[in-house]
Amino acid sequence: MNEKEITILPFLPFSSPRILSTKRIGPHNYEILCILIGSLLGDGSMEKDGNGSRFCFYQKGEHIEYVLWLHKELLIHGYCRENIPQIQSRIINNKLAYYCRFRSFTYSSFNWIYEGFYKKGKKSIPFWVEQYLSPIALAIWIMDDGAWIKDRGIKLCTNCFTLSDVKNLVFILETKYKFKLAIHSAGSLNQYNIYIPKSNFPVLVPLVLPYLHPYFLYKLNMVKADLS
């Protein structure tokens, strides 16, 4: 991900927090949509707010650099407030936990995404997701919910999706990128993970590496020195 100066576009009609969600109607940049939908496949979430919907980004405090990158990408396109996300703390199960988060503005033109991903309040995979599962979306998904399994490859933690949804995602990835994937039980009832074996890395790495934040290189079993 290339570093660049933050240039906000204040003249866009949806770039002010005072604009009503019904006035925020797009059109939306394709890459931004891919980032948002890639995050929904991972840790990202959405919530209804009045007549519109907004995206919510939440990560552990140690992932603050990644959250700052997400915030910058949305900010330069006018999709969120200028307030820089900060590391915060709270008590979870009697332990001090650190986290960082921010939200996008609310858009009535995000409702179709919310309605596609949320059925009866639970995440599901919409039929149209394939067209937004671009390399940058795949990179976001890996950064959010990917885990390097030593000497084996990457596990995508798709626990929140049904087996039918997981099979659909596998079909899309295998068809779109010619991967050879596997579905494994996550160890709990009706929870499943997608595995991307190392044999797929000659195809996977060139796809996602240009978009992967350096902090998350370990998810490809790489370090910064591998880029030099």
C-alpha atoms as a PDB file:
ATOM      1  CA  MET A   1       0.000   0.000   0.000  1.00  0.00           C
ATOM      2  CA  ASN A   2       1.653   3.170  -1.145  1.00  0.00           C
ATOM      3  CA  GLU A   3       1.976   6.053   1.255  1.00  0.00           C
ATOM      4  CA  LYS A   4       0.460   9.295   0.021  1.00  0.00           C
ATOM      5  CA  GLU A   5      -0.549  12.648   1.396  1.00  0.00           C
ATOM      6  CA  ILE A   6      -4.064  12.895   2.707  1.00  0.00           C
ATOM      7  CA  THR A   7      -6.014  15.159   0.386  1.00  0.00           C
ATOM      8  CA  ILE A   8      -9.633  15.427   1.468  1.00  0.00           C
ATOM      9  CA  LEU A   9     -12.237  16.308  -1.137  1.00  0.00           C
ATOM     10  CA  PRO A  10     -14.376  18.851   0.773  1.00  0.00           C
ATOM     11  CA  PHE A  11     -16.381  19.872  -2.280  1.00  0.00           C
ATOM     12  CA  LEU A  12     -18.105  16.494  -2.572  1.00  0.00           C
ATOM     13  CA  PRO A  13     -21.722  16.727  -1.395  1.00  0.00           C
ATOM     14  CA  PHE A  14     -21.381  13.706   0.908  1.00  0.00           C
ATOM     15  CA  SER A  15     -18.101  14.650   2.633  1.00  0.00           C
ATOM     16  CA  SER A  16     -19.623  16.614   5.513  1.00  0.00           C
ATOM     17  CA  PRO A  17     -20.946  14.963   8.705  1.00  0.00           C
ATOM     18  CA  ARG A  18     -23.880  17.401   8.603  1.00  0.00           C
ATOM     19  CA  ILE A  19     -25.302  15.964   5.384  1.00  0.00           C
ATOM     20  CA  LEU A  20     -28.384  13.757   5.793  1.00  0.00           C
ATOM     21  CA  SER A  21     -27.916  10.106   4.858  1.00  0.00           C
ATOM     22  CA  THR A  22     -30.678  10.425   2.249  1.00  0.00           C
ATOM     23  CA  LYS A  23     -28.514  13.002   0.459  1.00  0.00           C
ATOM     24  CA  ARG A  24     -25.504  10.676   0.370  1.00  0.00           C
ATOM     25  CA  ILE A  25     -26.322   8.683  -2.730  1.00  0.00           C
ATOM     26  CA  GLY A  26     -22.966   8.069  -4.419  1.00  0.00           C
ATOM     27  CA  PRO A  27     -21.824   7.004  -6.948  1.00  0.00           C
ATOM     28  CA  HIS A  28     -19.196   5.070  -5.013  1.00  0.00           C
ATOM     29  CA  ASN A  29     -15.645   4.372  -6.100  1.00  0.00           C
ATOM     30  CA  TYR A  30     -15.236   0.670  -7.013  1.00  0.00           C
ATOM     31  CA  GLU A  31     -12.009   0.279  -5.028  1.00  0.00           C
ATOM     32  CA  ILE A  32     -13.652   1.776  -1.932  1.00  0.00           C
ATOM     33  CA  LEU A  33     -16.557  -0.672  -2.294  1.00  0.00           C
ATOM     34  CA  CYS A  34     -14.057  -3.542  -2.554  1.00  0.00           C
ATOM     35  CA  ILE A  35     -12.300  -2.381   0.622  1.00  0.00           C
ATOM     36  CA  LEU A  36     -15.597  -2.111   2.487  1.00  0.00           C
ATOM     37  CA  ILE A  37     -16.896  -5.478   1.304  1.00  0.00           C
ATOM     38  CA  GLY A  38     -13.529  -7.157   1.908  1.00  0.00           C
ATOM     39  CA  SER A  39     -13.747  -5.916   5.498  1.00  0.00           C
ATOM     40  CA  LEU A  40     -17.303  -7.255   5.839  1.00  0.00           C
ATOM     41  CA  LEU A  41     -15.963 -10.690   4.922  1.00  0.00           C
ATOM     42  CA  GLY A  42     -13.574 -10.232   7.846  1.00  0.00           C
ATOM     43  CA  ASP A  43     -13.891  -8.208  11.046  1.00  0.00           C
ATOM     44  CA  GLY A  44     -15.860  -5.291   9.620  1.00  0.00           C
ATOM     45  CA  SER A  45     -19.528  -4.828  10.363  1.00  0.00           C
ATOM     46  CA  MET A  46     -22.436  -2.584   9.448  1.00  0.00           C
ATOM     47  CA  GLU A  47     -25.257  -0.999  11.382  1.00  0.00           C
ATOM     48  CA  LYS A  48     -28.454   0.765  10.485  1.00  0.00           C
ATOM     49  CA  ASP A  49     -28.659   4.424  11.448  1.00  0.00           C
ATOM     50  CA  GLY A  50     -31.926   6.183  10.652  1.00  0.00           C
ATOM     51  CA  ASN A  51     -32.622   5.936   6.922  1.00  0.00           C
ATOM     52  CA  GLY A  52     -29.110   4.776   6.066  1.00  0.00           C
ATOM     53  CA  SER A  53     -26.337   2.339   6.907  1.00  0.00           C
ATOM     54  CA  ARG A  54     -22.725   2.762   7.966  1.00  0.00           C
ATOM     55  CA  PHE A  55     -19.595   0.659   8.254  1.00  0.00           C
ATOM     56  CA  CYS A  56     -17.874  -0.054  11.573  1.00  0.00           C
ATOM     57  CA  PHE A  57     -14.200  -0.966  11.853  1.00  0.00           C
ATOM     58  CA  TYR A  58     -12.868  -2.542  15.052  1.00  0.00           C
ATOM     59  CA  GLN A  59      -9.433  -4.037  15.701  1.00  0.00           C
ATOM     60  CA  LYS A  60      -7.120  -4.857  18.567  1.00  0.00           C
ATOM     61  CA  GLY A  61      -4.968  -1.946  19.700  1.00  0.00           C
ATOM     62  CA  GLU A  62      -1.856  -3.608  18.280  1.00  0.00           C
ATOM     63  CA  HIS A  63      -3.396  -3.254  14.801  1.00  0.00           C
ATOM     64  CA  ILE A  64      -3.619   0.545  15.042  1.00  0.00           C
ATOM     65  CA  GLU A  65      -1.452   1.091  11.919  1.00  0.00           C
ATOM     66  CA  TYR A  66      -3.884  -0.944   9.841  1.00  0.00           C
ATOM     67  CA  VAL A  67      -6.872   0.968  11.260  1.00  0.00           C
ATOM     68  CA  LEU A  68      -5.110   4.253  10.468  1.00  0.00           C
ATOM     69  CA  TRP A  69      -4.615   3.075   6.870  1.00  0.00           C
ATOM     70  CA  LEU A  70      -8.293   2.142   6.535  1.00  0.00           C
ATOM     71  CA  HIS A  71      -9.285   5.485   8.015  1.00  0.00           C
ATOM     72  CA  LYS A  72      -7.008   7.356   5.607  1.00  0.00           C
ATOM     73  CA  GLU A  73      -8.403   5.551   2.567  1.00  0.00           C
ATOM     74  CA  LEU A  74     -11.964   6.436   3.548  1.00  0.00           C
ATOM     75  CA  LEU A  75     -11.057   9.955   4.630  1.00  0.00           C
ATOM     76  CA  ILE A  76      -9.412  11.003   1.375  1.00  0.00           C
ATOM     77  CA  HIS A  77     -12.581   9.998  -0.456  1.00  0.00           C
ATOM     78  CA  GLY A  78     -14.831  11.823   2.001  1.00  0.00           C
ATOM     79  CA  TYR A  79     -16.343   8.760   3.683  1.00  0.00           C
ATOM     80  CA  CYS A  80     -15.581   9.455   7.352  1.00  0.00           C
ATOM     81  CA  ARG A  81     -14.730  12.154   9.877  1.00  0.00           C
ATOM     82  CA  GLU A  82     -11.227  13.578  10.164  1.00  0.00           C
ATOM     83  CA  ASN A  83     -10.896  12.402  13.780  1.00  0.00           C
ATOM     84  CA  ILE A  84      -7.889  10.070  13.890  1.00  0.00           C
ATOM     85  CA  PRO A  85      -8.687   6.688  15.533  1.00  0.00           C
ATOM     86  CA  GLN A  86      -7.054   6.278  18.933  1.00  0.00           C
ATOM     87  CA  ILE A  87      -6.172   3.246  21.022  1.00  0.00           C
ATOM     88  CA  GLN A  88      -8.744   2.841  23.782  1.00  0.00           C
ATOM     89  CA  SER A  89      -9.133   0.376  26.629  1.00  0.00           C
ATOM     90  CA  ARG A  90     -11.862  -1.518  28.428  1.00  0.00           C
ATOM     91  CA  ILE A  91     -12.256  -4.452  30.786  1.00  0.00           C
ATOM     92  CA  ILE A  92     -13.233  -7.757  29.114  1.00  0.00           C
ATOM     93  CA  ASN A  93     -13.591 -10.852  31.329  1.00  0.00           C
ATOM     94  CA  ASN A  94     -11.747  -9.054  34.119  1.00  0.00           C
ATOM     95  CA  LYS A  95      -8.806  -8.286  31.821  1.00  0.00           C
ATOM     96  CA  LEU A  96      -7.696  -4.966  30.375  1.00  0.00           C
ATOM     97  CA  ALA A  97      -8.067  -5.000  26.575  1.00  0.00           C
ATOM     98  CA  TYR A  98      -6.920  -2.403  24.060  1.00  0.00           C
ATOM     99  CA  TYR A  99      -8.776  -1.661  20.854  1.00  0.00           C
ATOM    100  CA  CYS A 100      -9.243   0.973  18.157  1.00  0.00           C
ATOM    101  CA  ARG A 101     -12.269   1.707  16.018  1.00  0.00           C
ATOM    102  CA  PHE A 102     -14.046   4.191  13.781  1.00  0.00           C
ATOM    103  CA  ARG A 103     -17.181   4.429  11.644  1.00  0.00           C
ATOM    104  CA  SER A 104     -17.953   5.665   8.169  1.00  0.00           C
ATOM    105  CA  PHE A 105     -20.582   8.287   7.477  1.00  0.00           C
ATOM    106  CA  THR A 106     -24.127   6.982   7.078  1.00  0.00           C
ATOM    107  CA  TYR A 107     -25.373   6.556   3.511  1.00  0.00           C
ATOM    108  CA  SER A 108     -28.794   5.611   2.256  1.00  0.00           C
ATOM    109  CA  SER A 109     -26.885   4.291  -0.771  1.00  0.00           C
ATOM    110  CA  PHE A 110     -25.161   1.748   1.521  1.00  0.00           C
ATOM    111  CA  ASN A 111     -28.479   0.120   2.368  1.00  0.00           C
ATOM    112  CA  TRP A 112     -28.180  -2.407  -0.468  1.00  0.00           C
ATOM    113  CA  ILE A 113     -24.908  -3.645   1.034  1.00  0.00           C
ATOM    114  CA  TYR A 114     -26.419  -3.949   4.506  1.00  0.00           C
ATOM    115  CA  GLU A 115     -29.479  -5.746   3.165  1.00  0.00           C
ATOM    116  CA  GLY A 116     -27.262  -8.115   1.170  1.00  0.00           C
ATOM    117  CA  PHE A 117     -24.987  -9.028   4.079  1.00  0.00           C
ATOM    118  CA  TYR A 118     -27.446  -9.091   6.960  1.00  0.00           C
ATOM    119  CA  LYS A 119     -30.328 -11.508   7.025  1.00  0.00           C
ATOM    120  CA  LYS A 120     -32.305 -11.510  10.290  1.00  0.00           C
ATOM    121  CA  GLY A 121     -29.458  -9.645  11.954  1.00  0.00           C
ATOM    122  CA  LYS A 122     -26.779 -12.210  11.055  1.00  0.00           C
ATOM    123  CA  LYS A 123     -24.049 -11.937   8.439  1.00  0.00           C
ATOM    124  CA  SER A 124     -24.590 -13.852   5.220  1.00  0.00           C
ATOM    125  CA  ILE A 125     -23.014 -13.847   1.769  1.00  0.00           C
ATOM    126  CA  PRO A 126     -24.963 -11.925  -0.901  1.00  0.00           C
ATOM    127  CA  PHE A 127     -25.258 -13.336  -4.412  1.00  0.00           C
ATOM    128  CA  TRP A 128     -23.408 -10.343  -5.887  1.00  0.00           C
ATOM    129  CA  VAL A 129     -20.254 -10.566  -3.722  1.00  0.00           C
ATOM    130  CA  GLU A 130     -18.150 -12.106  -6.520  1.00  0.00           C
ATOM    131  CA  GLN A 131     -17.942  -8.859  -8.504  1.00  0.00           C
ATOM    132  CA  TYR A 132     -16.358  -7.075  -5.509  1.00  0.00           C
ATOM    133  CA  LEU A 133     -13.969  -9.846  -4.450  1.00  0.00           C
ATOM    134  CA  SER A 134     -11.052  -8.114  -6.153  1.00  0.00           C
ATOM    135  CA  PRO A 135      -7.393  -8.521  -5.093  1.00  0.00           C
ATOM    136  CA  ILE A 136      -7.657  -5.560  -2.708  1.00  0.00           C
ATOM    137  CA  ALA A 137     -10.813  -7.056  -1.150  1.00  0.00           C
ATOM    138  CA  LEU A 138      -8.988 -10.368  -0.757  1.00  0.00           C
ATOM    139  CA  ALA A 139      -6.051  -8.560   0.889  1.00  0.00           C
ATOM    140  CA  ILE A 140      -8.394  -6.780   3.323  1.00  0.00           C
ATOM    141  CA  TRP A 141     -10.093 -10.094   4.126  1.00  0.00           C
ATOM    142  CA  ILE A 142      -6.739 -11.759   4.841  1.00  0.00           C
ATOM    143  CA  MET A 143      -5.569  -8.855   7.011  1.00  0.00           C
ATOM    144  CA  ASP A 144      -8.839  -8.903   8.952  1.00  0.00           C
ATOM    145  CA  ASP A 145      -9.452 -12.619   9.387  1.00  0.00           C
ATOM    146  CA  GLY A 146      -6.500 -14.533   7.969  1.00  0.00           C
ATOM    147  CA  ALA A 147      -4.086 -16.589  10.076  1.00  0.00           C
ATOM    148  CA  TRP A 148      -0.817 -18.190   8.994  1.00  0.00           C
ATOM    149  CA  ILE A 149      -0.766 -21.899   9.822  1.00  0.00           C
ATOM    150  CA  LYS A 150       2.870 -22.994  10.030  1.00  0.00           C
ATOM    151  CA  ASP A 151       4.040 -24.962   7.002  1.00  0.00           C
ATOM    152  CA  ARG A 152       0.472 -25.259   5.718  1.00  0.00           C
ATOM    153  CA  GLY A 153      -0.880 -21.940   4.460  1.00  0.00           C
ATOM    154  CA  ILE A 154      -3.563 -19.460   5.467  1.00  0.00           C
ATOM    155  CA  LYS A 155      -6.758 -20.033   7.394  1.00  0.00           C
ATOM    156  CA  LEU A 156      -9.650 -17.626   6.768  1.00  0.00           C
ATOM    157  CA  CYS A 157     -11.801 -17.552   9.874  1.00  0.00           C
ATOM    158  CA  THR A 158     -15.260 -17.783   8.357  1.00  0.00           C
ATOM    159  CA  ASN A 159     -16.879 -19.033  11.586  1.00  0.00           C
ATOM    160  CA  CYS A 160     -19.726 -16.524  11.400  1.00  0.00           C
ATOM    161  CA  PHE A 161     -20.977 -17.826   8.041  1.00  0.00           C
ATOM    162  CA  THR A 162     -23.083 -20.900   7.331  1.00  0.00           C
ATOM    163  CA  LEU A 163     -21.575 -23.914   5.592  1.00  0.00           C
ATOM    164  CA  SER A 164     -23.554 -23.007   2.487  1.00  0.00           C
ATOM    165  CA  ASP A 165     -22.035 -19.495   2.508  1.00  0.00           C
ATOM    166  CA  VAL A 166     -18.531 -20.889   3.043  1.00  0.00           C
ATOM    167  CA  LYS A 167     -18.969 -23.272   0.124  1.00  0.00           C
ATOM    168  CA  ASN A 168     -20.143 -20.358  -2.007  1.00  0.00           C
ATOM    169  CA  LEU A 169     -17.053 -18.322  -1.106  1.00  0.00           C
ATOM    170  CA  VAL A 170     -14.796 -21.262  -1.948  1.00  0.00           C
ATOM    171  CA  PHE A 171     -16.523 -21.699  -5.303  1.00  0.00           C
ATOM    172  CA  ILE A 172     -16.047 -17.988  -6.087  1.00  0.00           C
ATOM    173  CA  LEU A 173     -12.359 -17.982  -5.126  1.00  0.00           C
ATOM    174  CA  GLU A 174     -11.590 -21.196  -6.997  1.00  0.00           C
ATOM    175  CA  THR A 175     -13.414 -19.991 -10.098  1.00  0.00           C
ATOM    176  CA  LYS A 176     -12.110 -16.427 -10.051  1.00  0.00           C
ATOM    177  CA  TYR A 177      -8.490 -17.064  -9.061  1.00  0.00           C
ATOM    178  CA  LYS A 178      -7.997 -20.788  -9.806  1.00  0.00           C
ATOM    179  CA  PHE A 179      -7.159 -21.549  -6.181  1.00  0.00           C
ATOM    180  CA  LYS A 180      -7.389 -25.043  -4.715  1.00  0.00           C
ATOM    181  CA  LEU A 181      -9.007 -24.606  -1.318  1.00  0.00           C
ATOM    182  CA  ALA A 182     -10.316 -26.719   1.548  1.00  0.00           C
ATOM    183  CA  ILE A 183     -13.052 -26.339   4.139  1.00  0.00           C
ATOM    184  CA  HIS A 184     -12.324 -27.515   7.687  1.00  0.00           C
ATOM    185  CA  SER A 185     -14.399 -27.569  10.838  1.00  0.00           C
ATOM    186  CA  ALA A 186     -13.515 -24.697  13.169  1.00  0.00           C
ATOM    187  CA  GLY A 187     -13.926 -27.000  16.155  1.00  0.00           C
ATOM    188  CA  SER A 188     -17.381 -25.777  17.140  1.00  0.00           C
ATOM    189  CA  LEU A 189     -20.807 -26.857  15.950  1.00  0.00           C
ATOM    190  CA  ASN A 190     -21.681 -25.463  12.491  1.00  0.00           C
ATOM    191  CA  GLN A 191     -18.542 -23.334  12.265  1.00  0.00           C
ATOM    192  CA  TYR A 192     -16.118 -23.684   9.367  1.00  0.00           C
ATOM    193  CA  ASN A 193     -12.881 -22.168   8.094  1.00  0.00           C
ATOM    194  CA  ILE A 194     -11.468 -21.823   4.597  1.00  0.00           C
ATOM    195  CA  TYR A 195      -7.876 -23.015   4.106  1.00  0.00           C
ATOM    196  CA  ILE A 196      -5.607 -21.652   1.400  1.00  0.00           C
ATOM    197  CA  PRO A 197      -2.767 -24.211   1.134  1.00  0.00           C
ATOM    198  CA  LYS A 198       0.778 -23.001   0.390  1.00  0.00           C
ATOM    199  CA  SER A 199       0.524 -24.495  -3.090  1.00  0.00           C
ATOM    200  CA  ASN A 200      -1.671 -21.487  -3.984  1.00  0.00           C
ATOM    201  CA  PHE A 201       0.946 -18.916  -2.980  1.00  0.00           C
ATOM    202  CA  PRO A 202       2.491 -18.462  -6.471  1.00  0.00           C
ATOM    203  CA  VAL A 203      -0.904 -17.079  -7.494  1.00  0.00           C
ATOM    204  CA  LEU A 204      -2.045 -15.554  -4.187  1.00  0.00           C
ATOM    205  CA  VAL A 205       1.029 -13.551  -3.193  1.00  0.00           C
ATOM    206  CA  PRO A 206       1.322 -11.420  -6.381  1.00  0.00           C
ATOM    207  CA  LEU A 207      -2.405 -10.683  -6.120  1.00  0.00           C
ATOM    208  CA  VAL A 208      -2.524  -9.384  -2.555  1.00  0.00           C
ATOM    209  CA  LEU A 209       1.028  -8.238  -1.769  1.00  0.00           C
ATOM    210  CA  PRO A 210       0.620  -4.765  -3.373  1.00  0.00           C
ATOM    211  CA  TYR A 211      -2.244  -4.064  -0.949  1.00  0.00           C
ATOM    212  CA  LEU A 212      -0.999  -5.798   2.189  1.00  0.00           C
ATOM    213  CA  HIS A 213       0.002  -3.557   5.073  1.00  0.00           C
ATOM    214  CA  PRO A 214       3.619  -4.371   6.120  1.00  0.00           C
ATOM    215  CA  TYR A 215       2.428  -5.247   9.625  1.00  0.00           C
ATOM    216  CA  PHE A 216       0.514  -8.218   8.211  1.00  0.00           C
ATOM    217  CA  LEU A 217       3.268  -9.726   6.068  1.00  0.00           C
ATOM    218  CA  TYR A 218       3.530 -12.521   8.626  1.00  0.00           C
ATOM    219  CA  LYS A 219       0.159 -13.789   7.392  1.00  0.00           C
ATOM    220  CA  LEU A 220       1.953 -14.718   4.168  1.00  0.00           C
ATOM    221  CA  ASN A 221       4.906 -16.087   6.172  1.00  0.00           C
ATOM    222  CA  MET A 222       6.923 -13.059   5.066  1.00  0.00           C
ATOM    223  CA  VAL A 223       8.805 -10.224   6.750  1.00  0.00           C
ATOM    224  CA  LYS A 224       9.757  -6.773   5.440  1.00  0.00           C
ATOM    225  CA  ALA A 225      13.183  -8.055   4.417  1.00  0.00           C
ATOM    226  CA  ASP A 226      11.490 -10.269   1.827  1.00  0.00           C
ATOM    227  CA  LEU A 227      10.461  -7.134  -0.087  1.00  0.00           C
ATOM    228  CA  SER A 228      14.004  -5.812  -0.540  1.00  0.00           C
END
